[in-house]
C-alpha atoms as a PDB file:
ATOM      1  CA  MET A   1     126.714  13.973  16.886  1.00  0.00           C
ATOM      2  CA  LYS A   2     130.401  14.203  14.874  1.00  0.00           C
ATOM      3  CA  ILE A   3     133.005  13.094  18.206  1.00  0.00           C
ATOM      4  CA  LYS A   4     136.727  13.964  17.904  1.00  0.00           C
ATOM      5  CA  GLU A   5     138.565  11.007  19.493  1.00  0.00           C
ATOM      6  CA  LYS A   6     140.488  12.797  21.404  1.00  0.00           C
ATOM      7  CA  GLU A   7     137.466  14.567  23.209  1.00  0.00           C
ATOM      8  CA  PHE A   8     135.711  11.190  25.139  1.00  0.00           C
ATOM      9  CA  GLU A   9     138.024  11.815  27.825  1.00  0.00           C
ATOM     10  CA  GLU A  10     136.521  15.271  28.880  1.00  0.00           C
ATOM     11  CA  ILE A  11     133.543  13.687  28.024  1.00  0.00           C
ATOM     12  CA  LEU A  12     133.721  10.829  30.064  1.00  0.00           C
ATOM     13  CA  GLN A  13     134.614  13.660  33.132  1.00  0.00           C
ATOM     14  CA  GLU A  14     131.240  15.533  32.557  1.00  0.00           C
ATOM     15  CA  LEU A  15     129.520  12.379  32.490  1.00  0.00           C
ATOM     16  CA  LYS A  16     131.770  11.591  35.450  1.00  0.00           C
ATOM     17  CA  SER A  17     129.756  14.770  37.023  1.00  0.00           C
ATOM     18  CA  VAL A  18     126.689  14.333  35.793  1.00  0.00           C
ATOM     19  CA  ALA A  19     126.418  10.785  38.303  1.00  0.00           C
ATOM     20  CA  ASP A  20     127.831  12.916  41.252  1.00  0.00           C
ATOM     21  CA  GLN A  21     125.184  14.813  40.654  1.00  0.00           C
ATOM     22  CA  LEU A  22     122.832  11.567  40.629  1.00  0.00           C
ATOM     23  CA  GLY A  23     124.223  10.569  43.903  1.00  0.00           C
ATOM     24  CA  ALA A  24     126.035   7.273  41.363  1.00  0.00           C
ATOM     25  CA  SER A  25     129.994   6.882  42.065  1.00  0.00           C
ATOM     26  CA  VAL A  26     131.579   5.673  39.055  1.00  0.00           C
ATOM     27  CA  ARG A  27     134.192   2.924  39.375  1.00  0.00           C
ATOM     28  CA  PHE A  28     136.630   1.279  37.206  1.00  0.00           C
ATOM     29  CA  GLU A  29     137.868  -2.649  37.561  1.00  0.00           C
ATOM     30  CA  LYS A  30     139.567  -5.097  36.402  1.00  0.00           C
ATOM     31  CA  GLY A  31     137.012  -7.925  35.334  1.00  0.00           C
ATOM     32  CA  ASP A  32     135.361 -10.281  32.966  1.00  0.00           C
ATOM     33  CA  PHE A  33     132.623  -7.444  32.344  1.00  0.00           C
ATOM     34  CA  LYS A  34     131.861  -4.875  30.447  1.00  0.00           C
ATOM     35  CA  GLY A  35     130.419  -2.434  33.101  1.00  0.00           C
ATOM     36  CA  GLY A  36     126.962  -0.677  33.845  1.00  0.00           C
ATOM     37  CA  TYR A  37     124.107  -0.048  36.768  1.00  0.00           C
ATOM     38  CA  CYS A  38     124.252  -0.702  40.194  1.00  0.00           C
ATOM     39  CA  ILE A  39     123.162  -0.740  44.208  1.00  0.00           C
ATOM     40  CA  ILE A  40     125.474  -1.497  46.336  1.00  0.00           C
ATOM     41  CA  HIS A  41     124.922  -1.915  50.324  1.00  0.00           C
ATOM     42  CA  ASP A  42     122.092   1.200  49.406  1.00  0.00           C
ATOM     43  CA  LYS A  43     125.071   2.754  47.342  1.00  0.00           C
ATOM     44  CA  LYS A  44     123.764   3.472  43.002  1.00  0.00           C
ATOM     45  CA  VAL A  45     127.356   2.495  41.822  1.00  0.00           C
ATOM     46  CA  ILE A  46     128.320   2.610  38.573  1.00  0.00           C
ATOM     47  CA  VAL A  47     131.604   0.364  37.188  1.00  0.00           C
ATOM     48  CA  ILE A  48     133.008   0.189  34.152  1.00  0.00           C
ATOM     49  CA  ASN A  49     135.799  -2.245  32.996  1.00  0.00           C
ATOM     50  CA  LYS A  50     139.095  -0.487  33.778  1.00  0.00           C
ATOM     51  CA  MET A  51     140.649  -2.263  30.307  1.00  0.00           C
ATOM     52  CA  THR A  52     137.640  -0.831  28.097  1.00  0.00           C
ATOM     53  CA  ASN A  53     138.780   1.856  25.680  1.00  0.00           C
ATOM     54  CA  VAL A  54     137.076   5.136  26.520  1.00  0.00           C
ATOM     55  CA  GLN A  55     134.707   5.652  23.361  1.00  0.00           C
ATOM     56  CA  LYS A  56     132.974   2.517  24.947  1.00  0.00           C
ATOM     57  CA  LYS A  57     133.408   3.875  28.658  1.00  0.00           C
ATOM     58  CA  VAL A  58     131.320   6.888  27.686  1.00  0.00           C
ATOM     59  CA  MET A  59     129.131   4.409  25.853  1.00  0.00           C
ATOM     60  CA  ILE A  60     128.114   2.426  29.162  1.00  0.00           C
ATOM     61  CA  LEU A  61     128.231   5.355  31.194  1.00  0.00           C
ATOM     62  CA  SER A  62     125.589   7.105  29.165  1.00  0.00           C
ATOM     63  CA  THR A  63     123.640   3.979  29.272  1.00  0.00           C
ATOM     64  CA  ALA A  64     124.002   3.670  32.704  1.00  0.00           C
ATOM     65  CA  LEU A  65     122.780   7.592  33.558  1.00  0.00           C
ATOM     66  CA  LYS A  66     119.848   7.298  30.822  1.00  0.00           C
ATOM     67  CA  GLU A  67     118.866   3.821  34.143  1.00  0.00           C
ATOM     68  CA  LEU A  68     119.628   6.237  36.476  1.00  0.00           C
ATOM     69  CA  GLY A  69     117.161   9.266  35.215  1.00  0.00           C
ATOM     70  CA  ILE A  70     119.145  12.091  33.959  1.00  0.00           C
ATOM     71  CA  ASP A  71     115.835  14.143  33.999  1.00  0.00           C
ATOM     72  CA  SER A  72     115.185  15.971  37.181  1.00  0.00           C
ATOM     73  CA  ILE A  73     118.562  17.625  37.036  1.00  0.00           C
ATOM     74  CA  PHE A  74     120.223  19.795  35.236  1.00  0.00           C
ATOM     75  CA  ILE A  75     122.102  18.359  31.700  1.00  0.00           C
ATOM     76  CA  THR A  76     123.550  21.173  29.479  1.00  0.00           C
ATOM     77  CA  PRO A  77     122.349  20.192  25.959  1.00  0.00           C
ATOM     78  CA  ARG A  78     125.980  19.270  24.227  1.00  0.00           C
ATOM     79  CA  VAL A  79     125.748  16.846  27.213  1.00  0.00           C
ATOM     80  CA  ARG A  80     122.357  15.808  27.354  1.00  0.00           C
ATOM     81  CA  GLU A  81     122.640  15.091  24.168  1.00  0.00           C
ATOM     82  CA  ILE A  82     125.795  13.081  23.960  1.00  0.00           C
ATOM     83  CA  ILE A  83     124.111  10.732  26.886  1.00  0.00           C
ATOM     84  CA  ASP A  84     121.516   9.590  24.827  1.00  0.00           C
ATOM     85  CA  GLU A  85     122.920   9.649  21.577  1.00  0.00           C
ATOM     86  CA  MET A  86     125.625   6.812  23.310  1.00  0.00           C
ATOM     87  CA  ALA A  87     122.980   5.422  25.259  1.00  0.00           C
ATOM     88  CA  ALA A  88     120.483   4.168  21.555  1.00  0.00           C
ATOM     89  CA  ILE A  89     124.278   3.211  20.389  1.00  0.00           C
ATOM     90  CA  THR A  90     124.757   0.188  23.427  1.00  0.00           C
END
């Protein structure tokens, strides 16, 4: 799937809403890390380096959502395809 550069910000917002459906919060923090899924004080958290470009943020968030398991919730086919494709790249 070909994604235009300006679409990545919209996709990022859609992926954040998927994370909400799964009960995970998404945090953008500074630091020497790429990011990913973790559990902090019994809460699901996806941490992403805020200094990373938008395309990489989408890739990291997609991978984390795959780890959380997206099969049990409704996601539009387009968003599901984006998650599958982006998670395969990382």
